[in-house]
């Protein structure tokens, strides 16, 4: 009997505000720009890319391209998408290093 496998997609598991917030918090804590952009793309897909495109004023195709792992989105794009998915960016001073 053949085993059917399906590629795992994080967007399918980002089904609550709490899960999304925890996911984004972990990704931002890691700090890798490409991973952050891809994670924002995952959240946008979970929320519905068409709706995020409409709310951000950007095209769906450009969002898919910019927020892929190989994408290189402008900071303005990141800010627009973050606001469209219901979040804001905040700057917090890091504690002094010992």
PDB file of N, CA and C in Angstrom:
ATOM      1  N   UNK A   1       0.843  -1.170   0.000  1.00  0.00           N
ATOM      2  CA  UNK A   1       0.000   0.000   0.000  1.00  0.00           C
ATOM      3  C   UNK A   1       0.894   1.241   0.000  1.00  0.00           C
ATOM      4  N   UNK A   2       0.657   2.126  -0.926  1.00  0.00           N
ATOM      5  CA  UNK A   2       1.441   3.352  -1.044  1.00  0.00           C
ATOM      6  C   UNK A   2       0.983   4.381  -0.012  1.00  0.00           C
ATOM      7  N   UNK A   3       1.952   5.069   0.544  1.00  0.00           N
ATOM      8  CA  UNK A   3       1.653   6.113   1.514  1.00  0.00           C
ATOM      9  C   UNK A   3       1.586   7.440   0.765  1.00  0.00           C
ATOM     10  N   UNK A   4       0.490   8.152   0.935  1.00  0.00           N
ATOM     11  CA  UNK A   4       0.351   9.457   0.290  1.00  0.00           C
ATOM     12  C   UNK A   4       0.922  10.525   1.214  1.00  0.00           C
ATOM     13  N   UNK A   5       1.805  11.335   0.663  1.00  0.00           N
ATOM     14  CA  UNK A   5       2.432  12.381   1.459  1.00  0.00           C
ATOM     15  C   UNK A   5       2.038  13.738   0.905  1.00  0.00           C
ATOM     16  N   UNK A   6       1.933  14.676   1.795  1.00  0.00           N
ATOM     17  CA  UNK A   6       1.578  16.036   1.429  1.00  0.00           C
ATOM     18  C   UNK A   6       2.632  16.960   2.007  1.00  0.00           C
ATOM     19  N   UNK A   7       3.050  17.944   1.240  1.00  0.00           N
ATOM     20  CA  UNK A   7       4.037  18.905   1.726  1.00  0.00           C
ATOM     21  C   UNK A   7       3.424  19.702   2.880  1.00  0.00           C
ATOM     22  N   UNK A   8       4.168  19.823   3.973  1.00  0.00           N
ATOM     23  CA  UNK A   8       3.689  20.540   5.149  1.00  0.00           C
ATOM     24  C   UNK A   8       3.701  22.038   4.880  1.00  0.00           C
ATOM     25  N   UNK A   9       2.636  22.720   5.231  1.00  0.00           N
ATOM     26  CA  UNK A   9       2.507  24.152   4.987  1.00  0.00           C
ATOM     27  C   UNK A   9       2.123  24.844   6.292  1.00  0.00           C
ATOM     28  N   UNK A  10       3.013  25.685   6.793  1.00  0.00           N
ATOM     29  CA  UNK A  10       2.774  26.393   8.059  1.00  0.00           C
ATOM     30  C   UNK A  10       1.498  27.232   8.004  1.00  0.00           C
ATOM     31  N   UNK A  11       1.165  27.766   6.838  1.00  0.00           N
ATOM     32  CA  UNK A  11      -0.018  28.633   6.719  1.00  0.00           C
ATOM     33  C   UNK A  11      -1.292  27.909   7.143  1.00  0.00           C
ATOM     34  N   UNK A  12      -1.334  26.599   6.953  1.00  0.00           N
ATOM     35  CA  UNK A  12      -2.506  25.823   7.359  1.00  0.00           C
ATOM     36  C   UNK A  12      -2.669  25.764   8.879  1.00  0.00           C
ATOM     37  N   UNK A  13      -1.607  26.056   9.606  1.00  0.00           N
ATOM     38  CA  UNK A  13      -1.625  25.958  11.072  1.00  0.00           C
ATOM     39  C   UNK A  13      -1.670  27.331  11.755  1.00  0.00           C
ATOM     40  N   UNK A  14      -1.629  28.375  10.962  1.00  0.00           N
ATOM     41  CA  UNK A  14      -1.726  29.736  11.513  1.00  0.00           C
ATOM     42  C   UNK A  14      -3.190  30.145  11.504  1.00  0.00           C
ATOM     43  N   UNK A  15      -3.963  29.487  12.355  1.00  0.00           N
ATOM     44  CA  UNK A  15      -5.413  29.628  12.319  1.00  0.00           C
ATOM     45  C   UNK A  15      -5.997  30.431  13.481  1.00  0.00           C
ATOM     46  N   UNK A  16      -5.133  31.110  14.219  1.00  0.00           N
ATOM     47  CA  UNK A  16      -5.631  31.975  15.293  1.00  0.00           C
ATOM     48  C   UNK A  16      -4.671  33.147  15.462  1.00  0.00           C
ATOM     49  N   UNK A  17      -5.184  34.229  16.017  1.00  0.00           N
ATOM     50  CA  UNK A  17      -4.334  35.397  16.270  1.00  0.00           C
ATOM     51  C   UNK A  17      -3.175  35.046  17.192  1.00  0.00           C
ATOM     52  N   UNK A  18      -3.431  34.182  18.178  1.00  0.00           N
ATOM     53  CA  UNK A  18      -2.383  33.795  19.119  1.00  0.00           C
ATOM     54  C   UNK A  18      -1.262  33.026  18.413  1.00  0.00           C
ATOM     55  N   UNK A  19      -1.620  32.078  17.559  1.00  0.00           N
ATOM     56  CA  UNK A  19      -0.594  31.310  16.840  1.00  0.00           C
ATOM     57  C   UNK A  19       0.213  32.212  15.910  1.00  0.00           C
ATOM     58  N   UNK A  20      -0.474  33.112  15.237  1.00  0.00           N
ATOM     59  CA  UNK A  20       0.217  34.032  14.332  1.00  0.00           C
ATOM     60  C   UNK A  20       1.188  34.911  15.111  1.00  0.00           C
ATOM     61  N   UNK A  21       0.730  35.453  16.233  1.00  0.00           N
ATOM     62  CA  UNK A  21       1.588  36.320  17.034  1.00  0.00           C
ATOM     63  C   UNK A  21       2.819  35.573  17.547  1.00  0.00           C
ATOM     64  N   UNK A  22       2.634  34.353  18.032  1.00  0.00           N
ATOM     65  CA  UNK A  22       3.765  33.555  18.524  1.00  0.00           C
ATOM     66  C   UNK A  22       4.735  33.214  17.402  1.00  0.00           C
ATOM     67  N   UNK A  23       4.205  32.890  16.240  1.00  0.00           N
ATOM     68  CA  UNK A  23       5.036  32.571  15.080  1.00  0.00           C
ATOM     69  C   UNK A  23       5.872  33.777  14.666  1.00  0.00           C
ATOM     70  N   UNK A  24       5.228  34.939  14.523  1.00  0.00           N
ATOM     71  CA  UNK A  24       5.959  36.136  14.119  1.00  0.00           C
ATOM     72  C   UNK A  24       6.978  36.544  15.182  1.00  0.00           C
ATOM     73  N   UNK A  25       6.610  36.421  16.436  1.00  0.00           N
ATOM     74  CA  UNK A  25       7.532  36.759  17.521  1.00  0.00           C
ATOM     75  C   UNK A  25       8.802  35.904  17.440  1.00  0.00           C
ATOM     76  N   UNK A  26       8.638  34.612  17.217  1.00  0.00           N
ATOM     77  CA  UNK A  26       9.791  33.709  17.121  1.00  0.00           C
ATOM     78  C   UNK A  26      10.653  34.037  15.907  1.00  0.00           C
ATOM     79  N   UNK A  27      10.012  34.337  14.792  1.00  0.00           N
ATOM     80  CA  UNK A  27      10.761  34.630  13.570  1.00  0.00           C
ATOM     81  C   UNK A  27      11.526  35.945  13.704  1.00  0.00           C
ATOM     82  N   UNK A  28      10.895  36.959  14.273  1.00  0.00           N
ATOM     83  CA  UNK A  28      11.584  38.235  14.460  1.00  0.00           C
ATOM     84  C   UNK A  28      12.720  38.096  15.468  1.00  0.00           C
ATOM     85  N   UNK A  29      12.523  37.258  16.463  1.00  0.00           N
ATOM     86  CA  UNK A  29      13.575  37.031  17.454  1.00  0.00           C
ATOM     87  C   UNK A  29      14.807  36.409  16.799  1.00  0.00           C
ATOM     88  N   UNK A  30      14.578  35.510  15.841  1.00  0.00           N
ATOM     89  CA  UNK A  30      15.681  34.892  15.108  1.00  0.00           C
ATOM     90  C   UNK A  30      16.436  35.946  14.303  1.00  0.00           C
ATOM     91  N   UNK A  31      15.705  36.849  13.661  1.00  0.00           N
ATOM     92  CA  UNK A  31      16.319  38.002  13.024  1.00  0.00           C
ATOM     93  C   UNK A  31      16.781  37.871  11.593  1.00  0.00           C
ATOM     94  N   UNK A  32      16.635  36.714  10.961  1.00  0.00           N
ATOM     95  CA  UNK A  32      17.072  36.565   9.576  1.00  0.00           C
ATOM     96  C   UNK A  32      16.080  37.261   8.640  1.00  0.00           C
ATOM     97  N   UNK A  33      16.518  38.275   7.874  1.00  0.00           N
ATOM     98  CA  UNK A  33      15.602  39.035   7.017  1.00  0.00           C
ATOM     99  C   UNK A  33      14.827  38.188   6.015  1.00  0.00           C
ATOM    100  N   UNK A  34      15.466  37.211   5.391  1.00  0.00           N
ATOM    101  CA  UNK A  34      14.774  36.373   4.411  1.00  0.00           C
ATOM    102  C   UNK A  34      13.702  35.517   5.088  1.00  0.00           C
ATOM    103  N   UNK A  35      14.009  35.026   6.274  1.00  0.00           N
ATOM    104  CA  UNK A  35      13.038  34.217   7.016  1.00  0.00           C
ATOM    105  C   UNK A  35      11.871  35.079   7.478  1.00  0.00           C
ATOM    106  N   UNK A  36      12.149  36.298   7.896  1.00  0.00           N
ATOM    107  CA  UNK A  36      11.091  37.218   8.312  1.00  0.00           C
ATOM    108  C   UNK A  36      10.152  37.499   7.149  1.00  0.00           C
ATOM    109  N   UNK A  37      10.705  37.807   5.982  1.00  0.00           N
ATOM    110  CA  UNK A  37       9.880  38.092   4.807  1.00  0.00           C
ATOM    111  C   UNK A  37       9.033  36.883   4.435  1.00  0.00           C
ATOM    112  N   UNK A  38       9.644  35.694   4.446  1.00  0.00           N
ATOM    113  CA  UNK A  38       8.894  34.479   4.114  1.00  0.00           C
ATOM    114  C   UNK A  38       7.798  34.212   5.148  1.00  0.00           C
ATOM    115  N   UNK A  39       8.081  34.454   6.434  1.00  0.00           N
ATOM    116  CA  UNK A  39       7.086  34.238   7.490  1.00  0.00           C
ATOM    117  C   UNK A  39       5.914  35.199   7.355  1.00  0.00           C
ATOM    118  N   UNK A  40       6.201  36.432   6.999  1.00  0.00           N
ATOM    119  CA  UNK A  40       5.124  37.399   6.767  1.00  0.00           C
ATOM    120  C   UNK A  40       4.282  36.929   5.585  1.00  0.00           C
ATOM    121  N   UNK A  41       4.941  36.354   4.589  1.00  0.00           N
ATOM    122  CA  UNK A  41       4.217  35.764   3.460  1.00  0.00           C
ATOM    123  C   UNK A  41       3.345  34.601   3.884  1.00  0.00           C
ATOM    124  N   UNK A  42       3.850  33.762   4.798  1.00  0.00           N
ATOM    125  CA  UNK A  42       3.059  32.639   5.320  1.00  0.00           C
ATOM    126  C   UNK A  42       1.808  33.149   6.032  1.00  0.00           C
ATOM    127  N   UNK A  43       1.971  34.192   6.833  1.00  0.00           N
ATOM    128  CA  UNK A  43       0.822  34.758   7.546  1.00  0.00           C
ATOM    129  C   UNK A  43      -0.160  35.373   6.549  1.00  0.00           C
ATOM    130  N   UNK A  44       0.360  36.044   5.534  1.00  0.00           N
ATOM    131  CA  UNK A  44      -0.510  36.639   4.512  1.00  0.00           C
ATOM    132  C   UNK A  44      -1.317  35.551   3.800  1.00  0.00           C
ATOM    133  N   UNK A  45      -0.680  34.416   3.500  1.00  0.00           N
ATOM    134  CA  UNK A  45      -1.410  33.314   2.877  1.00  0.00           C
ATOM    135  C   UNK A  45      -2.464  32.753   3.820  1.00  0.00           C
ATOM    136  N   UNK A  46      -2.115  32.667   5.108  1.00  0.00           N
ATOM    137  CA  UNK A  46      -3.068  32.156   6.094  1.00  0.00           C
ATOM    138  C   UNK A  46      -4.275  33.081   6.221  1.00  0.00           C
ATOM    139  N   UNK A  47      -4.045  34.375   6.112  1.00  0.00           N
ATOM    140  CA  UNK A  47      -5.126  35.358   6.218  1.00  0.00           C
ATOM    141  C   UNK A  47      -5.892  35.509   4.906  1.00  0.00           C
ATOM    142  N   UNK A  48      -5.288  35.057   3.815  1.00  0.00           N
ATOM    143  CA  UNK A  48      -5.899  35.195   2.494  1.00  0.00           C
ATOM    144  C   UNK A  48      -5.141  36.242   1.698  1.00  0.00           C
ATOM    145  N   UNK A  49      -4.311  35.788   0.779  1.00  0.00           N
ATOM    146  CA  UNK A  49      -3.433  36.699   0.043  1.00  0.00           C
ATOM    147  C   UNK A  49      -4.218  37.756  -0.725  1.00  0.00           C
ATOM    148  N   UNK A  50      -5.369  37.393  -1.280  1.00  0.00           N
ATOM    149  CA  UNK A  50      -6.167  38.374  -2.022  1.00  0.00           C
ATOM    150  C   UNK A  50      -6.625  39.511  -1.113  1.00  0.00           C
ATOM    151  N   UNK A  51      -7.064  39.160   0.091  1.00  0.00           N
ATOM    152  CA  UNK A  51      -7.515  40.186   1.040  1.00  0.00           C
ATOM    153  C   UNK A  51      -6.348  41.039   1.508  1.00  0.00           C
ATOM    154  N   UNK A  52      -5.214  40.420   1.764  1.00  0.00           N
ATOM    155  CA  UNK A  52      -4.025  41.160   2.198  1.00  0.00           C
ATOM    156  C   UNK A  52      -3.572  42.099   1.086  1.00  0.00           C
ATOM    157  N   UNK A  53      -3.621  41.632  -0.152  1.00  0.00           N
ATOM    158  CA  UNK A  53      -3.257  42.484  -1.287  1.00  0.00           C
ATOM    159  C   UNK A  53      -4.186  43.693  -1.353  1.00  0.00           C
ATOM    160  N   UNK A  54      -5.456  43.451  -1.205  1.00  0.00           N
ATOM    161  CA  UNK A  54      -6.440  44.545  -1.242  1.00  0.00           C
ATOM    162  C   UNK A  54      -6.188  45.530  -0.097  1.00  0.00           C
ATOM    163  N   UNK A  55      -5.998  45.011   1.110  1.00  0.00           N
ATOM    164  CA  UNK A  55      -5.811  45.862   2.287  1.00  0.00           C
ATOM    165  C   UNK A  55      -4.487  46.628   2.261  1.00  0.00           C
ATOM    166  N   UNK A  56      -3.482  46.059   1.593  1.00  0.00           N
ATOM    167  CA  UNK A  56      -2.175  46.710   1.553  1.00  0.00           C
ATOM    168  C   UNK A  56      -2.005  47.620   0.340  1.00  0.00           C
ATOM    169  N   UNK A  57      -2.890  47.471  -0.634  1.00  0.00           N
ATOM    170  CA  UNK A  57      -2.773  48.267  -1.845  1.00  0.00           C
ATOM    171  C   UNK A  57      -1.708  47.752  -2.800  1.00  0.00           C
ATOM    172  N   UNK A  58      -1.314  46.506  -2.633  1.00  0.00           N
ATOM    173  CA  UNK A  58      -0.294  45.888  -3.476  1.00  0.00           C
ATOM    174  C   UNK A  58      -0.917  44.745  -4.266  1.00  0.00           C
ATOM    175  N   UNK A  59      -0.295  44.360  -5.375  1.00  0.00           N
ATOM    176  CA  UNK A  59      -0.855  43.267  -6.161  1.00  0.00           C
ATOM    177  C   UNK A  59      -0.515  41.921  -5.522  1.00  0.00           C
ATOM    178  N   UNK A  60      -1.409  40.984  -5.689  1.00  0.00           N
ATOM    179  CA  UNK A  60      -1.230  39.645  -5.137  1.00  0.00           C
ATOM    180  C   UNK A  60       0.027  38.987  -5.694  1.00  0.00           C
ATOM    181  N   UNK A  61       0.256  39.135  -6.983  1.00  0.00           N
ATOM    182  CA  UNK A  61       1.425  38.529  -7.624  1.00  0.00           C
ATOM    183  C   UNK A  61       2.725  39.101  -7.050  1.00  0.00           C
ATOM    184  N   UNK A  62       2.761  40.425  -6.871  1.00  0.00           N
ATOM    185  CA  UNK A  62       3.956  41.050  -6.296  1.00  0.00           C
ATOM    186  C   UNK A  62       4.193  40.600  -4.864  1.00  0.00           C
ATOM    187  N   UNK A  63       3.103  40.403  -4.118  1.00  0.00           N
ATOM    188  CA  UNK A  63       3.254  39.933  -2.735  1.00  0.00           C
ATOM    189  C   UNK A  63       3.835  38.532  -2.701  1.00  0.00           C
ATOM    190  N   UNK A  64       3.312  37.639  -3.536  1.00  0.00           N
ATOM    191  CA  UNK A  64       3.857  36.284  -3.572  1.00  0.00           C
ATOM    192  C   UNK A  64       5.344  36.312  -3.897  1.00  0.00           C
ATOM    193  N   UNK A  65       5.731  37.119  -4.872  1.00  0.00           N
ATOM    194  CA  UNK A  65       7.132  37.192  -5.291  1.00  0.00           C
ATOM    195  C   UNK A  65       7.999  37.816  -4.191  1.00  0.00           C
ATOM    196  N   UNK A  66       7.558  38.946  -3.646  1.00  0.00           N
ATOM    197  CA  UNK A  66       8.362  39.669  -2.654  1.00  0.00           C
ATOM    198  C   UNK A  66       8.503  38.896  -1.345  1.00  0.00           C
ATOM    199  N   UNK A  67       7.463  38.166  -0.961  1.00  0.00           N
ATOM    200  CA  UNK A  67       7.456  37.507   0.339  1.00  0.00           C
ATOM    201  C   UNK A  67       7.862  36.036   0.280  1.00  0.00           C
ATOM    202  N   UNK A  68       8.401  35.625  -0.843  1.00  0.00           N
ATOM    203  CA  UNK A  68       8.907  34.261  -0.937  1.00  0.00           C
ATOM    204  C   UNK A  68      10.270  34.197  -0.255  1.00  0.00           C
ATOM    205  N   UNK A  69      10.788  32.998  -0.054  1.00  0.00           N
ATOM    206  CA  UNK A  69      12.097  32.854   0.576  1.00  0.00           C
ATOM    207  C   UNK A  69      13.201  33.493  -0.254  1.00  0.00           C
ATOM    208  N   UNK A  70      13.010  33.545  -1.569  1.00  0.00           N
ATOM    209  CA  UNK A  70      14.001  34.148  -2.457  1.00  0.00           C
ATOM    210  C   UNK A  70      13.718  35.616  -2.742  1.00  0.00           C
ATOM    211  N   UNK A  71      12.607  36.139  -2.219  1.00  0.00           N
ATOM    212  CA  UNK A  71      12.225  37.522  -2.470  1.00  0.00           C
ATOM    213  C   UNK A  71      13.111  38.498  -1.708  1.00  0.00           C
ATOM    214  N   UNK A  72      13.042  39.738  -2.122  1.00  0.00           N
ATOM    215  CA  UNK A  72      13.796  40.795  -1.463  1.00  0.00           C
ATOM    216  C   UNK A  72      12.892  42.029  -1.396  1.00  0.00           C
ATOM    217  N   UNK A  73      11.880  41.993  -0.509  1.00  0.00           N
ATOM    218  CA  UNK A  73      10.901  43.075  -0.487  1.00  0.00           C
ATOM    219  C   UNK A  73      11.481  44.376   0.045  1.00  0.00           C
ATOM    220  N   UNK A  74      10.937  45.464  -0.455  1.00  0.00           N
ATOM    221  CA  UNK A  74      11.296  46.767   0.094  1.00  0.00           C
ATOM    222  C   UNK A  74      10.694  46.876   1.487  1.00  0.00           C
ATOM    223  N   UNK A  75      11.294  47.722   2.307  1.00  0.00           N
ATOM    224  CA  UNK A  75      10.792  47.899   3.666  1.00  0.00           C
ATOM    225  C   UNK A  75       9.357  48.409   3.648  1.00  0.00           C
ATOM    226  N   UNK A  76       9.028  49.267   2.699  1.00  0.00           N
ATOM    227  CA  UNK A  76       7.662  49.795   2.585  1.00  0.00           C
ATOM    228  C   UNK A  76       6.662  48.669   2.356  1.00  0.00           C
ATOM    229  N   UNK A  77       7.050  47.672   1.586  1.00  0.00           N
ATOM    230  CA  UNK A  77       6.173  46.521   1.342  1.00  0.00           C
ATOM    231  C   UNK A  77       5.940  45.756   2.637  1.00  0.00           C
ATOM    232  N   UNK A  78       7.000  45.532   3.388  1.00  0.00           N
ATOM    233  CA  UNK A  78       6.879  44.828   4.675  1.00  0.00           C
ATOM    234  C   UNK A  78       5.931  45.574   5.603  1.00  0.00           C
ATOM    235  N   UNK A  79       6.099  46.869   5.711  1.00  0.00           N
ATOM    236  CA  UNK A  79       5.254  47.676   6.593  1.00  0.00           C
ATOM    237  C   UNK A  79       3.799  47.597   6.150  1.00  0.00           C
ATOM    238  N   UNK A  80       3.532  47.729   4.864  1.00  0.00           N
ATOM    239  CA  UNK A  80       2.153  47.668   4.355  1.00  0.00           C
ATOM    240  C   UNK A  80       1.511  46.317   4.652  1.00  0.00           C
ATOM    241  N   UNK A  81       2.260  45.252   4.447  1.00  0.00           N
ATOM    242  CA  UNK A  81       1.706  43.912   4.677  1.00  0.00           C
ATOM    243  C   UNK A  81       1.496  43.669   6.167  1.00  0.00           C
ATOM    244  N   UNK A  82       2.435  44.074   6.981  1.00  0.00           N
ATOM    245  CA  UNK A  82       2.270  43.896   8.425  1.00  0.00           C
ATOM    246  C   UNK A  82       1.014  44.616   8.911  1.00  0.00           C
ATOM    247  N   UNK A  83       0.793  45.806   8.428  1.00  0.00           N
ATOM    248  CA  UNK A  83      -0.431  46.536   8.808  1.00  0.00           C
ATOM    249  C   UNK A  83      -1.677  45.853   8.260  1.00  0.00           C
ATOM    250  N   UNK A  84      -1.588  45.331   7.034  1.00  0.00           N
ATOM    251  CA  UNK A  84      -2.736  44.658   6.414  1.00  0.00           C
ATOM    252  C   UNK A  84      -3.125  43.379   7.154  1.00  0.00           C
ATOM    253  N   UNK A  85      -2.154  42.717   7.786  1.00  0.00           N
ATOM    254  CA  UNK A  85      -2.476  41.488   8.531  1.00  0.00           C
ATOM    255  C   UNK A  85      -2.825  41.783   9.990  1.00  0.00           C
ATOM    256  N   UNK A  86      -2.855  43.068  10.335  1.00  0.00           N
ATOM    257  CA  UNK A  86      -3.332  43.456  11.659  1.00  0.00           C
ATOM    258  C   UNK A  86      -2.278  43.671  12.714  1.00  0.00           C
ATOM    259  N   UNK A  87      -1.055  43.986  12.303  1.00  0.00           N
ATOM    260  CA  UNK A  87       0.023  44.207  13.262  1.00  0.00           C
ATOM    261  C   UNK A  87       0.708  45.540  12.994  1.00  0.00           C
ATOM    262  N   UNK A  88       1.516  45.978  13.941  1.00  0.00           N
ATOM    263  CA  UNK A  88       2.357  47.159  13.804  1.00  0.00           C
ATOM    264  C   UNK A  88       3.771  46.781  14.189  1.00  0.00           C
ATOM    265  N   UNK A  89       4.725  47.518  13.663  1.00  0.00           N
ATOM    266  CA  UNK A  89       6.117  47.338  14.073  1.00  0.00           C
ATOM    267  C   UNK A  89       6.413  48.303  15.208  1.00  0.00           C
ATOM    268  N   UNK A  90       7.179  47.835  16.178  1.00  0.00           N
ATOM    269  CA  UNK A  90       7.590  48.672  17.291  1.00  0.00           C
ATOM    270  C   UNK A  90       9.089  48.490  17.506  1.00  0.00           C
ATOM    271  N   UNK A  91       9.719  49.537  17.941  1.00  0.00           N
ATOM    272  CA  UNK A  91      11.138  49.472  18.242  1.00  0.00           C
ATOM    273  C   UNK A  91      11.289  49.381  19.758  1.00  0.00           C
ATOM    274  N   UNK A  92      12.070  48.405  20.204  1.00  0.00           N
ATOM    275  CA  UNK A  92      12.325  48.207  21.628  1.00  0.00           C
ATOM    276  C   UNK A  92      13.836  48.158  21.812  1.00  0.00           C
ATOM    277  N   UNK A  93      14.307  48.937  22.743  1.00  0.00           N
ATOM    278  CA  UNK A  93      15.747  48.962  23.017  1.00  0.00           C
ATOM    279  C   UNK A  93      16.170  47.624  23.626  1.00  0.00           C
ATOM    280  N   UNK A  94      17.253  47.083  23.105  1.00  0.00           N
ATOM    281  CA  UNK A  94      17.745  45.817  23.652  1.00  0.00           C
ATOM    282  C   UNK A  94      18.547  46.089  24.913  1.00  0.00           C
ATOM    283  N   UNK A  95      18.523  45.158  25.841  1.00  0.00           N
ATOM    284  CA  UNK A  95      19.297  45.343  27.067  1.00  0.00           C
ATOM    285  C   UNK A  95      20.801  45.402  26.735  1.00  0.00           C
ATOM    286  N   UNK A  96      21.517  46.109  27.538  1.00  0.00           N
ATOM    287  CA  UNK A  96      22.960  46.214  27.335  1.00  0.00           C
ATOM    288  C   UNK A  96      23.580  44.823  27.430  1.00  0.00           C
ATOM    289  N   UNK A  97      24.550  44.571  26.569  1.00  0.00           N
ATOM    290  CA  UNK A  97      25.226  43.265  26.612  1.00  0.00           C
ATOM    291  C   UNK A  97      26.255  43.261  27.721  1.00  0.00           C
ATOM    292  N   UNK A  98      26.300  42.172  28.451  1.00  0.00           N
ATOM    293  CA  UNK A  98      27.222  42.057  29.592  1.00  0.00           C
ATOM    294  C   UNK A  98      28.651  41.889  29.136  1.00  0.00           C
TER     295      UNK A  98
END
